[in-house]
Amino acid sequence: MQSGSPPTTPSGRSTHTMANIIGTAIALLTLILPILMIGHYAPSSSPSLQPAPVAGVK
């Protein structure tokens, strides 16, 4: 190796870095988005479930 030559790097290095960032963002959205949607659309207070009265029992 000559002292004046630039270090060798893979040619697609920046492409792989961008793909890793996009993949990480998709993975995080896949994990976080369902939890946020469940929290958003879940009822704020769950109604208490009481058993239905049985006929003929006093």
N, C-alpha and C. Protein backbone atom coordinates (compact mmCIF):
# COMPACT_ATOMS: atom_id res chain seq x y z
N MET A 1 0.85 -1.18 0.00
CA MET A 1 0.00 0.00 0.00
C MET A 1 0.89 1.23 0.00
N GLN A 2 0.56 2.18 -0.80
CA GLN A 2 1.34 3.42 -0.88
C GLN A 2 0.86 4.40 0.18
N SER A 3 1.76 5.22 0.62
CA SER A 3 1.40 6.14 1.71
C SER A 3 0.42 7.22 1.25
N GLY A 4 0.40 7.55 -0.02
CA GLY A 4 -0.47 8.61 -0.53
C GLY A 4 -1.81 8.11 -1.02
N SER A 5 -2.05 6.82 -1.03
CA SER A 5 -3.31 6.30 -1.56
C SER A 5 -4.41 6.39 -0.51
N PRO A 6 -5.62 6.70 -0.94
CA PRO A 6 -6.73 6.79 0.02
C PRO A 6 -7.09 5.39 0.52
N PRO A 7 -7.61 5.31 1.73
CA PRO A 7 -8.02 4.00 2.26
C PRO A 7 -9.15 3.43 1.41
N THR A 8 -9.16 2.14 1.27
CA THR A 8 -10.20 1.50 0.46
C THR A 8 -11.46 1.33 1.29
N THR A 9 -12.57 1.71 0.70
CA THR A 9 -13.87 1.54 1.34
C THR A 9 -14.80 0.88 0.34
N PRO A 10 -15.76 0.13 0.82
CA PRO A 10 -16.73 -0.45 -0.11
C PRO A 10 -17.49 0.64 -0.86
N SER A 11 -17.77 0.41 -2.11
CA SER A 11 -18.41 1.45 -2.93
C SER A 11 -19.85 1.73 -2.52
N GLY A 12 -20.56 0.76 -1.99
CA GLY A 12 -21.96 0.96 -1.61
C GLY A 12 -22.15 1.26 -0.15
N ARG A 13 -21.16 1.79 0.50
CA ARG A 13 -21.22 2.04 1.95
C ARG A 13 -22.37 2.99 2.32
N SER A 14 -22.51 4.09 1.59
CA SER A 14 -23.57 5.05 1.93
C SER A 14 -24.96 4.45 1.67
N THR A 15 -25.06 3.63 0.66
CA THR A 15 -26.35 2.98 0.37
C THR A 15 -26.73 2.03 1.50
N HIS A 16 -25.76 1.30 2.00
CA HIS A 16 -26.04 0.38 3.11
C HIS A 16 -26.42 1.13 4.38
N THR A 17 -25.78 2.25 4.61
CA THR A 17 -26.09 3.05 5.79
C THR A 17 -27.52 3.58 5.70
N MET A 18 -27.89 4.09 4.55
CA MET A 18 -29.25 4.60 4.37
C MET A 18 -30.28 3.47 4.51
N ALA A 19 -29.97 2.32 3.98
CA ALA A 19 -30.88 1.17 4.10
C ALA A 19 -31.03 0.75 5.55
N ASN A 20 -29.94 0.81 6.32
CA ASN A 20 -30.02 0.47 7.74
C ASN A 20 -30.89 1.47 8.50
N ILE A 21 -30.76 2.73 8.18
CA ILE A 21 -31.57 3.76 8.85
C ILE A 21 -33.04 3.58 8.52
N ILE A 22 -33.35 3.36 7.25
CA ILE A 22 -34.74 3.17 6.84
C ILE A 22 -35.31 1.89 7.47
N GLY A 23 -34.53 0.84 7.48
CA GLY A 23 -34.98 -0.42 8.09
C GLY A 23 -35.24 -0.27 9.57
N THR A 24 -34.38 0.46 10.25
CA THR A 24 -34.58 0.70 11.68
C THR A 24 -35.84 1.52 11.92
N ALA A 25 -36.07 2.52 11.10
CA ALA A 25 -37.28 3.34 11.25
C ALA A 25 -38.54 2.52 11.03
N ILE A 26 -38.53 1.65 10.02
CA ILE A 26 -39.69 0.79 9.75
C ILE A 26 -39.91 -0.17 10.91
N ALA A 27 -38.83 -0.73 11.45
CA ALA A 27 -38.96 -1.66 12.58
C ALA A 27 -39.54 -0.95 13.80
N LEU A 28 -39.07 0.25 14.09
CA LEU A 28 -39.60 0.99 15.24
C LEU A 28 -41.06 1.35 15.05
N LEU A 29 -41.44 1.77 13.85
CA LEU A 29 -42.85 2.06 13.58
C LEU A 29 -43.71 0.82 13.74
N THR A 30 -43.19 -0.32 13.28
CA THR A 30 -43.94 -1.57 13.39
C THR A 30 -44.17 -1.95 14.84
N LEU A 31 -43.23 -1.64 15.70
CA LEU A 31 -43.38 -1.97 17.11
C LEU A 31 -44.20 -0.94 17.88
N ILE A 32 -44.03 0.34 17.57
CA ILE A 32 -44.65 1.39 18.36
C ILE A 32 -46.05 1.75 17.89
N LEU A 33 -46.28 1.77 16.58
CA LEU A 33 -47.56 2.22 16.05
C LEU A 33 -48.75 1.39 16.55
N PRO A 34 -48.70 0.07 16.58
CA PRO A 34 -49.86 -0.68 17.11
C PRO A 34 -50.17 -0.34 18.57
N ILE A 35 -49.14 -0.13 19.38
CA ILE A 35 -49.37 0.21 20.79
C ILE A 35 -50.05 1.57 20.89
N LEU A 36 -49.60 2.52 20.09
CA LEU A 36 -50.23 3.85 20.11
C LEU A 36 -51.68 3.79 19.63
N MET A 37 -51.94 3.01 18.59
CA MET A 37 -53.30 2.91 18.07
C MET A 37 -54.24 2.23 19.07
N ILE A 38 -53.75 1.20 19.73
CA ILE A 38 -54.58 0.53 20.74
C ILE A 38 -54.88 1.50 21.88
N GLY A 39 -53.88 2.24 22.31
CA GLY A 39 -54.11 3.22 23.37
C GLY A 39 -55.05 4.33 22.95
N HIS A 40 -54.99 4.71 21.69
CA HIS A 40 -55.84 5.80 21.21
C HIS A 40 -57.29 5.35 21.06
N TYR A 41 -57.52 4.17 20.54
CA TYR A 41 -58.88 3.72 20.26
C TYR A 41 -59.50 2.90 21.38
N ALA A 42 -58.77 2.56 22.42
CA ALA A 42 -59.34 1.83 23.55
C ALA A 42 -60.25 2.77 24.34
N PRO A 43 -61.30 2.24 24.91
CA PRO A 43 -62.17 3.10 25.71
C PRO A 43 -61.40 3.64 26.91
N SER A 44 -61.66 4.90 27.26
CA SER A 44 -60.92 5.52 28.34
C SER A 44 -61.25 4.90 29.69
N SER A 45 -62.48 4.51 29.89
CA SER A 45 -62.86 3.81 31.12
C SER A 45 -63.67 2.59 30.73
N SER A 46 -63.21 1.46 31.17
CA SER A 46 -63.92 0.23 30.82
C SER A 46 -65.14 0.08 31.71
N PRO A 47 -66.29 -0.18 31.14
CA PRO A 47 -67.49 -0.34 31.95
C PRO A 47 -67.37 -1.61 32.78
N SER A 48 -67.86 -1.53 34.01
CA SER A 48 -67.78 -2.72 34.87
C SER A 48 -68.80 -3.74 34.37
N LEU A 49 -68.34 -4.92 34.21
CA LEU A 49 -69.20 -6.00 33.74
C LEU A 49 -69.87 -6.66 34.94
N GLN A 50 -71.19 -6.58 34.95
CA GLN A 50 -71.93 -7.21 36.03
C GLN A 50 -72.71 -8.37 35.44
N PRO A 51 -72.76 -9.47 36.18
CA PRO A 51 -73.49 -10.63 35.66
C PRO A 51 -74.97 -10.32 35.49
N ALA A 52 -75.55 -10.91 34.47
CA ALA A 52 -76.98 -10.72 34.23
C ALA A 52 -77.76 -11.46 35.31
N PRO A 53 -78.85 -10.86 35.74
CA PRO A 53 -79.67 -11.54 36.77
C PRO A 53 -80.27 -12.84 36.21
N VAL A 54 -80.26 -13.86 37.05
CA VAL A 54 -80.80 -15.15 36.65
C VAL A 54 -82.24 -15.21 37.13
N ALA A 55 -83.16 -15.58 36.26
CA ALA A 55 -84.58 -15.64 36.60
C ALA A 55 -84.84 -16.76 37.60
N GLY A 56 -85.65 -16.48 38.59
CA GLY A 56 -86.06 -17.50 39.55
C GLY A 56 -85.13 -17.63 40.75
N VAL A 57 -84.08 -16.85 40.81
CA VAL A 57 -83.15 -16.92 41.95
C VAL A 57 -83.37 -15.69 42.79
N LYS A 58 -83.54 -15.90 44.10
CA LYS A 58 -83.79 -14.77 45.00
C LYS A 58 -82.63 -14.58 45.92
